[in-house]
Every structure is written in structure tokens, then in C-alpha cells.
Amino acid sequence: MRRYRSPYASSFSFGPGPISTALKALIGINVFVFLLEVSPTLKYGTLIPLFGLTPARVVGELKVWQPVTYMFLHDGFFHIFFNMFALWMFGAELERIWGSRYFLKFYFVTGVGAAVLTVLFSLLPFAFTQPLYSVPTIGASGAIYGLLLAYALYFPDRPIYMYFLFPIPARVFVAIMGAIALLASLSNVGGVANATHLAGLLVGYAYLKNARIHPLSELKYRYLKWKINRVRKKFDVYSGGRADDWDRRVH
């Protein structure tokens, strides 16, 4: 959980605010699928072999939909609750900044990208990668870790309460979570899809970095800033722009 000071108020606020449009759709779909998973008409776990991410089935049986569908399956109430809670905490403010269209694009690129890297990781000839090949991975964590990385880039000094106890800057929080995912994936500990978590961070970083250096976007921005500076010199108008150019993007 994070706690921050609103620029429009003198008091502290908890949470990122109301659930935004894309988040409502994503959370609604995840909850609907989870209710379907636990419904009396289906034996629990029936959907996982078909729609969970199992690299052996993606590669051997060409179940190419699994890198998408695995994001909407969860293993129990607490799994979906904490994933949806994190999606709201870190996604709501990003959607307000990006807009719903770009937010959804980023969410699915990081989620699917994390799945693809997980499949590739499972094909490596190492003992710690072999269990990934035949075990299904489920959950939205790959995409959520991508959102967490984006959140840390946009708000590096925003305090996040780790384990709800003590605040640390968002950039440090992401570094800790990335290190945990890396070490756990190398040691194959805990039955958690740590390789997918790490992959979500990597895909999110690569996607945002590529968006920042898009040449056409940069050219348009430079031209617009040049025009604003001309107006500023002529009419003494203060120009806007990106603070240190740290958060530019294309969408």
C-alpha cells in the first residue's frame, strides 16, 4: 500500500482514488472467470489445463491462446484478491496519466510478453528451468509487475508501505521485488511463478524504454517545444514540458 500527499490537499490520502474505466473491465473479467472456476458446475481446476500457461502445451500442442488466457485465472481467493488490489493500487494512477487505451495496451503487452519469456526460459537446458516446462502458470502477476515497474519510473520517490508496515521509495521497492523474483526463479523456490514476475519487469522496462526513444515522437516534441519557446520569448509566456524528460512516451 502507498501513502501520498495530494497536491490539492494538506492531509494524507490512502489509495490511488476511484477505479478507472479499464481497471473496472479488467477486474470484472478476472472476478467473473474466478467465479466460473469455483462454480459448482465446474470441478475446480478444470480450466487450468486448457487456459493456464503450460510451455509444453504451447510448444508441443500449439495452444497459442494460453499466453493471453493465463492472466485471467487465479489459484484461490487470496491470489486474486492481492492481484486485483495491486492492479488497483498501481494501475489507477497510470491509467489516468496514460489514458485507458494505452494502459490496456501496456497491460497486455507486458502480460503476454512475460508469458513468452517464461516459455523461452523453460526451454533453457538448466535444471532450475525444467519444472517450468510442464507446470501451468496462472495469474495476472506478470502484467502487474510490469505496471509496478512503470509506477516506479513515473513516481520513483513515492513511498510504498512494504508488507503494510514501513515505507520505502517505489524505485527501491521494485528493485527489491525484482531481486527476490530473480533469486527465487534461479533456485526454483516456493511454487510461485517468479520467472514470470521477473519477465513482467523486463518486458515493462523494454516497452517503456522503446516508447521513450521513438524518433518521430521526439521530433514532434522538439518542434512543439521550439514553437512554445518562440512564443515565450515574444510574449513572456512560461513554457511547459517534461521534467528532465524522464517520463516521455508514445501512445
C-alpha atoms as a PDB file:
ATOM      1  CA  MET A   1       0.000   0.000   0.000  1.00  0.00           C
ATOM      2  CA  ARG A   2       1.236   3.500  -0.654  1.00  0.00           C
ATOM      3  CA  ARG A   3       0.530   6.725   1.135  1.00  0.00           C
ATOM      4  CA  TYR A   4       0.976  10.066  -0.585  1.00  0.00           C
ATOM      5  CA  ARG A   5       0.291  13.730  -0.167  1.00  0.00           C
ATOM      6  CA  SER A   6      -2.174  15.090  -2.675  1.00  0.00           C
ATOM      7  CA  PRO A   7      -1.036  18.335  -4.364  1.00  0.00           C
ATOM      8  CA  TYR A   8      -4.583  19.659  -3.821  1.00  0.00           C
ATOM      9  CA  ALA A   9      -4.912  18.936  -0.113  1.00  0.00           C
ATOM     10  CA  SER A  10      -2.933  19.317   3.047  1.00  0.00           C
ATOM     11  CA  SER A  11      -3.836  15.922   4.507  1.00  0.00           C
ATOM     12  CA  PHE A  12      -2.546  12.471   3.655  1.00  0.00           C
ATOM     13  CA  SER A  13      -4.626  10.145   1.479  1.00  0.00           C
ATOM     14  CA  PHE A  14      -4.655   6.373   1.146  1.00  0.00           C
ATOM     15  CA  GLY A  15      -5.081   4.617  -2.163  1.00  0.00           C
ATOM     16  CA  PRO A  16      -4.979   5.917  -5.737  1.00  0.00           C
ATOM     17  CA  GLY A  17      -8.589   7.050  -5.927  1.00  0.00           C
ATOM     18  CA  PRO A  18     -11.614   5.666  -7.792  1.00  0.00           C
ATOM     19  CA  ILE A  19     -11.389   2.589 -10.005  1.00  0.00           C
ATOM     20  CA  SER A  20     -10.888   3.842 -13.552  1.00  0.00           C
ATOM     21  CA  THR A  21     -12.536   2.580 -16.745  1.00  0.00           C
ATOM     22  CA  ALA A  22     -10.027  -0.019 -17.939  1.00  0.00           C
ATOM     23  CA  LEU A  23      -9.473  -1.264 -14.392  1.00  0.00           C
ATOM     24  CA  LYS A  24     -13.196  -1.883 -13.984  1.00  0.00           C
ATOM     25  CA  ALA A  25     -13.154  -4.054 -17.112  1.00  0.00           C
ATOM     26  CA  LEU A  26     -10.014  -5.981 -16.110  1.00  0.00           C
ATOM     27  CA  ILE A  27     -11.098  -6.553 -12.522  1.00  0.00           C
ATOM     28  CA  GLY A  28     -14.599  -7.502 -13.669  1.00  0.00           C
ATOM     29  CA  ILE A  29     -13.291 -10.095 -16.142  1.00  0.00           C
ATOM     30  CA  ASN A  30     -10.889 -11.559 -13.584  1.00  0.00           C
ATOM     31  CA  VAL A  31     -13.611 -11.844 -10.937  1.00  0.00           C
ATOM     32  CA  PHE A  32     -16.053 -13.362 -13.436  1.00  0.00           C
ATOM     33  CA  VAL A  33     -13.533 -16.010 -14.521  1.00  0.00           C
ATOM     34  CA  PHE A  34     -12.676 -16.779 -10.904  1.00  0.00           C
ATOM     35  CA  LEU A  35     -16.353 -17.269 -10.050  1.00  0.00           C
ATOM     36  CA  LEU A  36     -16.561 -19.566 -13.057  1.00  0.00           C
ATOM     37  CA  GLU A  37     -13.548 -21.507 -11.757  1.00  0.00           C
ATOM     38  CA  VAL A  38     -15.148 -22.090  -8.356  1.00  0.00           C
ATOM     39  CA  SER A  39     -18.709 -22.555  -9.556  1.00  0.00           C
ATOM     40  CA  PRO A  40     -20.449 -25.838  -8.618  1.00  0.00           C
ATOM     41  CA  THR A  41     -20.969 -26.674 -12.287  1.00  0.00           C
ATOM     42  CA  LEU A  42     -17.216 -26.960 -12.870  1.00  0.00           C
ATOM     43  CA  LYS A  43     -14.740 -29.041 -10.940  1.00  0.00           C
ATOM     44  CA  TYR A  44     -12.134 -26.672  -9.509  1.00  0.00           C
ATOM     45  CA  GLY A  45      -9.067 -26.662 -11.722  1.00  0.00           C
ATOM     46  CA  THR A  46     -10.932 -27.695 -14.872  1.00  0.00           C
ATOM     47  CA  LEU A  47      -9.998 -24.515 -16.742  1.00  0.00           C
ATOM     48  CA  ILE A  48      -6.315 -24.504 -15.803  1.00  0.00           C
ATOM     49  CA  PRO A  49      -5.059 -27.274 -18.160  1.00  0.00           C
ATOM     50  CA  LEU A  50      -6.772 -25.634 -21.116  1.00  0.00           C
ATOM     51  CA  PHE A  51      -6.235 -21.935 -20.365  1.00  0.00           C
ATOM     52  CA  GLY A  52      -3.277 -21.808 -17.952  1.00  0.00           C
ATOM     53  CA  LEU A  53       0.193 -21.190 -19.364  1.00  0.00           C
ATOM     54  CA  THR A  54       1.957 -24.538 -19.780  1.00  0.00           C
ATOM     55  CA  PRO A  55       5.017 -24.172 -22.062  1.00  0.00           C
ATOM     56  CA  ALA A  56       4.897 -27.851 -23.053  1.00  0.00           C
ATOM     57  CA  ARG A  57       1.366 -27.365 -24.408  1.00  0.00           C
ATOM     58  CA  VAL A  58       2.141 -24.026 -26.039  1.00  0.00           C
ATOM     59  CA  VAL A  59       5.131 -25.527 -27.854  1.00  0.00           C
ATOM     60  CA  GLY A  60       4.049 -29.129 -28.315  1.00  0.00           C
ATOM     61  CA  GLU A  61       0.278 -28.755 -28.808  1.00  0.00           C
ATOM     62  CA  LEU A  62       0.239 -25.191 -30.235  1.00  0.00           C
ATOM     63  CA  LYS A  63      -2.167 -23.870 -27.618  1.00  0.00           C
ATOM     64  CA  VAL A  64      -1.194 -20.350 -28.602  1.00  0.00           C
ATOM     65  CA  TRP A  65      -4.030 -18.713 -26.660  1.00  0.00           C
ATOM     66  CA  GLN A  66      -2.512 -19.654 -23.298  1.00  0.00           C
ATOM     67  CA  PRO A  67      -0.085 -16.660 -23.127  1.00  0.00           C
ATOM     68  CA  VAL A  68      -3.220 -14.477 -23.009  1.00  0.00           C
ATOM     69  CA  THR A  69      -5.739 -16.539 -21.085  1.00  0.00           C
ATOM     70  CA  TYR A  70      -3.414 -17.460 -18.188  1.00  0.00           C
ATOM     71  CA  MET A  71      -3.688 -13.857 -16.930  1.00  0.00           C
ATOM     72  CA  PHE A  72      -7.359 -14.300 -16.028  1.00  0.00           C
ATOM     73  CA  LEU A  73      -7.047 -17.482 -13.931  1.00  0.00           C
ATOM     74  CA  HIS A  74      -6.220 -17.484 -10.218  1.00  0.00           C
ATOM     75  CA  ASP A  75      -5.489 -20.099  -7.599  1.00  0.00           C
ATOM     76  CA  GLY A  76      -7.784 -19.226  -4.729  1.00  0.00           C
ATOM     77  CA  PHE A  77      -9.360 -16.156  -3.153  1.00  0.00           C
ATOM     78  CA  PHE A  78      -6.198 -14.584  -1.732  1.00  0.00           C
ATOM     79  CA  HIS A  79      -4.379 -14.963  -5.047  1.00  0.00           C
ATOM     80  CA  ILE A  80      -6.998 -12.986  -6.964  1.00  0.00           C
ATOM     81  CA  PHE A  81      -7.610 -10.545  -4.089  1.00  0.00           C
ATOM     82  CA  PHE A  82      -3.993  -9.411  -3.796  1.00  0.00           C
ATOM     83  CA  ASN A  83      -3.511  -9.325  -7.565  1.00  0.00           C
ATOM     84  CA  MET A  84      -6.588  -7.150  -8.048  1.00  0.00           C
ATOM     85  CA  PHE A  85      -5.614  -4.990  -5.078  1.00  0.00           C
ATOM     86  CA  ALA A  86      -2.161  -4.389  -6.619  1.00  0.00           C
ATOM     87  CA  LEU A  87      -3.759  -3.747 -10.010  1.00  0.00           C
ATOM     88  CA  TRP A  88      -5.893  -1.015  -8.452  1.00  0.00           C
ATOM     89  CA  MET A  89      -3.114   0.461  -6.298  1.00  0.00           C
ATOM     90  CA  PHE A  90      -0.547   0.792  -9.082  1.00  0.00           C
ATOM     91  CA  GLY A  91      -2.770   0.852 -12.161  1.00  0.00           C
ATOM     92  CA  ALA A  92      -5.348   3.544 -11.385  1.00  0.00           C
ATOM     93  CA  GLU A  93      -2.948   6.466 -11.446  1.00  0.00           C
ATOM     94  CA  LEU A  94      -1.129   5.145 -14.518  1.00  0.00           C
ATOM     95  CA  GLU A  95      -4.416   4.870 -16.406  1.00  0.00           C
ATOM     96  CA  ARG A  96      -5.252   8.474 -15.538  1.00  0.00           C
ATOM     97  CA  ILE A  97      -1.863   9.556 -16.891  1.00  0.00           C
ATOM     98  CA  TRP A  98      -1.808   7.356 -19.991  1.00  0.00           C
ATOM     99  CA  GLY A  99      -5.454   7.039 -20.880  1.00  0.00           C
ATOM    100  CA  SER A 100      -7.383   3.759 -20.999  1.00  0.00           C
ATOM    101  CA  ARG A 101      -6.241   2.762 -24.484  1.00  0.00           C
ATOM    102  CA  TYR A 102      -2.522   2.980 -23.779  1.00  0.00           C
ATOM    103  CA  PHE A 103      -2.993   1.462 -20.322  1.00  0.00           C
ATOM    104  CA  LEU A 104      -4.683  -1.638 -21.750  1.00  0.00           C
ATOM    105  CA  LYS A 105      -2.042  -1.905 -24.463  1.00  0.00           C
ATOM    106  CA  PHE A 106       0.735  -1.806 -21.889  1.00  0.00           C
ATOM    107  CA  TYR A 107      -1.083  -4.288 -19.643  1.00  0.00           C
ATOM    108  CA  PHE A 108      -1.462  -6.898 -22.369  1.00  0.00           C
ATOM    109  CA  VAL A 109       1.992  -6.336 -23.876  1.00  0.00           C
ATOM    110  CA  THR A 110       3.634  -6.932 -20.503  1.00  0.00           C
ATOM    111  CA  GLY A 111       1.342  -9.833 -19.596  1.00  0.00           C
ATOM    112  CA  VAL A 112       1.749 -11.643 -22.918  1.00  0.00           C
ATOM    113  CA  GLY A 113       5.430 -10.699 -23.131  1.00  0.00           C
ATOM    114  CA  ALA A 114       6.011 -12.161 -19.668  1.00  0.00           C
ATOM    115  CA  ALA A 115       4.352 -15.392 -20.828  1.00  0.00           C
ATOM    116  CA  VAL A 116       6.514 -15.593 -23.956  1.00  0.00           C
ATOM    117  CA  LEU A 117       9.694 -15.071 -21.919  1.00  0.00           C
ATOM    118  CA  THR A 118       8.504 -17.728 -19.461  1.00  0.00           C
ATOM    119  CA  VAL A 119       8.083 -20.204 -22.326  1.00  0.00           C
ATOM    120  CA  LEU A 120      11.556 -19.354 -23.668  1.00  0.00           C
ATOM    121  CA  PHE A 121      13.021 -19.561 -20.167  1.00  0.00           C
ATOM    122  CA  SER A 122      11.515 -23.025 -19.713  1.00  0.00           C
ATOM    123  CA  LEU A 123      13.340 -24.238 -22.844  1.00  0.00           C
ATOM    124  CA  LEU A 124      16.802 -23.449 -21.457  1.00  0.00           C
ATOM    125  CA  PRO A 125      18.890 -26.548 -20.668  1.00  0.00           C
ATOM    126  CA  PHE A 126      19.221 -25.949 -16.936  1.00  0.00           C
ATOM    127  CA  ALA A 127      17.890 -27.929 -14.001  1.00  0.00           C
ATOM    128  CA  PHE A 128      16.127 -24.929 -12.445  1.00  0.00           C
ATOM    129  CA  THR A 129      14.221 -24.169 -15.679  1.00  0.00           C
ATOM    130  CA  GLN A 130      12.912 -27.674 -16.351  1.00  0.00           C
ATOM    131  CA  PRO A 131       9.973 -27.603 -13.862  1.00  0.00           C
ATOM    132  CA  LEU A 132       8.538 -24.584 -15.697  1.00  0.00           C
ATOM    133  CA  TYR A 133       8.119 -26.567 -18.895  1.00  0.00           C
ATOM    134  CA  SER A 134       5.348 -28.865 -17.701  1.00  0.00           C
ATOM    135  CA  VAL A 135       3.778 -26.892 -14.833  1.00  0.00           C
ATOM    136  CA  PRO A 136       0.917 -24.444 -15.537  1.00  0.00           C
ATOM    137  CA  THR A 137       1.360 -20.799 -14.604  1.00  0.00           C
ATOM    138  CA  ILE A 138      -1.720 -18.690 -13.841  1.00  0.00           C
ATOM    139  CA  GLY A 139      -2.446 -15.192 -12.583  1.00  0.00           C
ATOM    140  CA  ALA A 140      -2.145 -11.542 -13.595  1.00  0.00           C
ATOM    141  CA  SER A 141       1.183 -11.045 -11.819  1.00  0.00           C
ATOM    142  CA  GLY A 142       3.274 -10.754 -14.990  1.00  0.00           C
ATOM    143  CA  ALA A 143       1.283  -7.741 -16.174  1.00  0.00           C
ATOM    144  CA  ILE A 144       1.081  -6.311 -12.635  1.00  0.00           C
ATOM    145  CA  TYR A 145       4.850  -6.448 -12.235  1.00  0.00           C
ATOM    146  CA  GLY A 146       5.083  -4.507 -15.498  1.00  0.00           C
ATOM    147  CA  LEU A 147       2.743  -1.882 -14.031  1.00  0.00           C
ATOM    148  CA  LEU A 148       4.821  -1.812 -10.861  1.00  0.00           C
ATOM    149  CA  LEU A 149       7.933  -1.077 -12.918  1.00  0.00           C
ATOM    150  CA  ALA A 150       6.128   1.715 -14.784  1.00  0.00           C
ATOM    151  CA  TYR A 151       4.877   3.153 -11.489  1.00  0.00           C
ATOM    152  CA  ALA A 152       8.420   3.268 -10.113  1.00  0.00           C
ATOM    153  CA  LEU A 153       9.654   5.064 -13.228  1.00  0.00           C
ATOM    154  CA  TYR A 154       6.925   7.688 -13.010  1.00  0.00           C
ATOM    155  CA  PHE A 155       6.962   8.081  -9.229  1.00  0.00           C
ATOM    156  CA  PRO A 156      10.428   6.912  -8.104  1.00  0.00           C
ATOM    157  CA  ASP A 157      10.273   8.604  -4.705  1.00  0.00           C
ATOM    158  CA  ARG A 158       6.631   7.816  -3.914  1.00  0.00           C
ATOM    159  CA  PRO A 159       6.556   5.847  -0.637  1.00  0.00           C
ATOM    160  CA  ILE A 160       5.170   2.323  -0.752  1.00  0.00           C
ATOM    161  CA  TYR A 161       4.407   0.522   2.501  1.00  0.00           C
ATOM    162  CA  MET A 162       6.192  -2.805   2.182  1.00  0.00           C
ATOM    163  CA  TYR A 163       4.200  -5.524   3.939  1.00  0.00           C
ATOM    164  CA  PHE A 164       1.932  -2.656   5.093  1.00  0.00           C
ATOM    165  CA  LEU A 165       4.494  -1.813   7.800  1.00  0.00           C
ATOM    166  CA  PHE A 166       7.258   0.555   6.702  1.00  0.00           C
ATOM    167  CA  PRO A 167       7.594   2.999   3.772  1.00  0.00           C
ATOM    168  CA  ILE A 168      10.290   2.747   1.121  1.00  0.00           C
ATOM    169  CA  PRO A 169      10.627   4.648  -2.200  1.00  0.00           C
ATOM    170  CA  ALA A 170       8.926   2.998  -5.160  1.00  0.00           C
ATOM    171  CA  ARG A 171      12.215   2.583  -7.043  1.00  0.00           C
ATOM    172  CA  VAL A 172      13.714   0.673  -4.084  1.00  0.00           C
ATOM    173  CA  PHE A 173      10.576  -1.426  -3.708  1.00  0.00           C
ATOM    174  CA  VAL A 174      10.748  -2.510  -7.360  1.00  0.00           C
ATOM    175  CA  ALA A 175      14.468  -3.288  -7.057  1.00  0.00           C
ATOM    176  CA  ILE A 176      13.774  -5.499  -4.030  1.00  0.00           C
ATOM    177  CA  MET A 177      10.887  -7.296  -5.729  1.00  0.00           C
ATOM    178  CA  GLY A 178      12.981  -7.819  -8.871  1.00  0.00           C
ATOM    179  CA  ALA A 179      15.874  -9.246  -6.869  1.00  0.00           C
ATOM    180  CA  ILE A 180      13.543 -11.593  -4.992  1.00  0.00           C
ATOM    181  CA  ALA A 181      11.982 -12.794  -8.271  1.00  0.00           C
ATOM    182  CA  LEU A 182      15.418 -13.330  -9.841  1.00  0.00           C
ATOM    183  CA  LEU A 183      16.877 -15.280  -6.930  1.00  0.00           C
ATOM    184  CA  ALA A 184      13.726 -17.331  -6.459  1.00  0.00           C
ATOM    185  CA  SER A 185      13.478 -18.191 -10.164  1.00  0.00           C
ATOM    186  CA  LEU A 186      17.117 -19.354 -10.187  1.00  0.00           C
ATOM    187  CA  SER A 187      16.610 -21.523  -7.119  1.00  0.00           C
ATOM    188  CA  ASN A 188      13.079 -22.670  -8.078  1.00  0.00           C
ATOM    189  CA  VAL A 189      11.638 -21.877  -4.647  1.00  0.00           C
ATOM    190  CA  GLY A 190       8.105 -21.653  -3.387  1.00  0.00           C
ATOM    191  CA  GLY A 191       5.868 -22.810  -6.220  1.00  0.00           C
ATOM    192  CA  VAL A 192       5.374 -19.187  -7.329  1.00  0.00           C
ATOM    193  CA  ALA A 193       5.820 -18.085 -10.940  1.00  0.00           C
ATOM    194  CA  ASN A 194       8.858 -15.972 -10.109  1.00  0.00           C
ATOM    195  CA  ALA A 195      10.234 -16.267 -13.638  1.00  0.00           C
ATOM    196  CA  THR A 196       7.009 -14.705 -14.929  1.00  0.00           C
ATOM    197  CA  HIS A 197       7.260 -11.908 -12.340  1.00  0.00           C
ATOM    198  CA  LEU A 198      10.806 -11.129 -13.455  1.00  0.00           C
ATOM    199  CA  ALA A 199       9.762 -11.336 -17.100  1.00  0.00           C
ATOM    200  CA  GLY A 200       6.989  -8.803 -16.457  1.00  0.00           C
ATOM    201  CA  LEU A 201       9.547  -6.338 -15.080  1.00  0.00           C
ATOM    202  CA  LEU A 202      11.854  -6.848 -18.065  1.00  0.00           C
ATOM    203  CA  VAL A 203       9.132  -6.513 -20.682  1.00  0.00           C
ATOM    204  CA  GLY A 204       7.692  -3.423 -18.977  1.00  0.00           C
ATOM    205  CA  TYR A 205      11.103  -1.753 -18.911  1.00  0.00           C
ATOM    206  CA  ALA A 206      11.886  -2.633 -22.531  1.00  0.00           C
ATOM    207  CA  TYR A 207       8.488  -1.399 -23.709  1.00  0.00           C
ATOM    208  CA  LEU A 208       8.712   1.949 -21.907  1.00  0.00           C
ATOM    209  CA  LYS A 209      12.314   2.485 -22.948  1.00  0.00           C
ATOM    210  CA  ASN A 210      11.411   1.868 -26.590  1.00  0.00           C
ATOM    211  CA  ALA A 211       8.464   4.269 -26.313  1.00  0.00           C
ATOM    212  CA  ARG A 212      10.668   6.977 -24.850  1.00  0.00           C
ATOM    213  CA  ILE A 213      13.148   6.998 -27.715  1.00  0.00           C
ATOM    214  CA  HIS A 214      10.624   6.801 -30.546  1.00  0.00           C
ATOM    215  CA  PRO A 215      12.249   9.132 -33.154  1.00  0.00           C
ATOM    216  CA  LEU A 216       9.036  10.525 -34.657  1.00  0.00           C
ATOM    217  CA  SER A 217       7.601  11.326 -31.237  1.00  0.00           C
ATOM    218  CA  GLU A 218      10.826  13.018 -30.199  1.00  0.00           C
ATOM    219  CA  LEU A 219      10.888  15.092 -33.391  1.00  0.00           C
ATOM    220  CA  LYS A 220       7.301  16.248 -32.855  1.00  0.00           C
ATOM    221  CA  TYR A 221       8.042  17.121 -29.229  1.00  0.00           C
ATOM    222  CA  ARG A 222      11.158  19.127 -30.097  1.00  0.00           C
ATOM    223  CA  TYR A 223       9.315  21.051 -32.788  1.00  0.00           C
ATOM    224  CA  LEU A 224       6.416  21.835 -30.440  1.00  0.00           C
ATOM    225  CA  LYS A 225       8.772  22.967 -27.685  1.00  0.00           C
ATOM    226  CA  TRP A 226      10.641  25.173 -30.150  1.00  0.00           C
ATOM    227  CA  LYS A 227       7.361  26.889 -31.077  1.00  0.00           C
ATOM    228  CA  ILE A 228       6.415  27.332 -27.410  1.00  0.00           C
ATOM    229  CA  ASN A 229       9.820  28.862 -26.659  1.00  0.00           C
ATOM    230  CA  ARG A 230       9.349  31.344 -29.502  1.00  0.00           C
ATOM    231  CA  VAL A 231       6.015  32.395 -28.005  1.00  0.00           C
ATOM    232  CA  ARG A 232       7.616  32.626 -24.592  1.00  0.00           C
ATOM    233  CA  LYS A 233      10.321  34.984 -25.817  1.00  0.00           C
ATOM    234  CA  LYS A 234       7.769  37.088 -27.663  1.00  0.00           C
ATOM    235  CA  PHE A 235       5.073  37.326 -25.003  1.00  0.00           C
ATOM    236  CA  ASP A 236       6.947  36.291 -21.866  1.00  0.00           C
ATOM    237  CA  VAL A 237       4.899  33.068 -21.539  1.00  0.00           C
ATOM    238  CA  TYR A 238       6.400  30.277 -19.436  1.00  0.00           C
ATOM    239  CA  SER A 239       6.661  27.065 -21.376  1.00  0.00           C
ATOM    240  CA  GLY A 240       5.752  23.622 -20.148  1.00  0.00           C
ATOM    241  CA  GLY A 241       7.370  20.340 -20.951  1.00  0.00           C
ATOM    242  CA  ARG A 242       8.732  17.214 -19.411  1.00  0.00           C
ATOM    243  CA  ALA A 243      10.594  17.430 -16.144  1.00  0.00           C
ATOM    244  CA  ASP A 244      14.063  16.172 -17.086  1.00  0.00           C
ATOM    245  CA  ASP A 245      12.390  14.335 -19.958  1.00  0.00           C
ATOM    246  CA  TRP A 246      12.071  11.295 -17.693  1.00  0.00           C
ATOM    247  CA  ASP A 247       8.516  10.267 -18.490  1.00  0.00           C
ATOM    248  CA  ARG A 248       8.041  10.716 -22.197  1.00  0.00           C
ATOM    249  CA  ARG A 249       6.094   8.036 -24.017  1.00  0.00           C
ATOM    250  CA  VAL A 250       4.108   7.325 -27.150  1.00  0.00           C
ATOM    251  CA  HIS A 251       0.501   6.186 -27.218  1.00  0.00           C
END
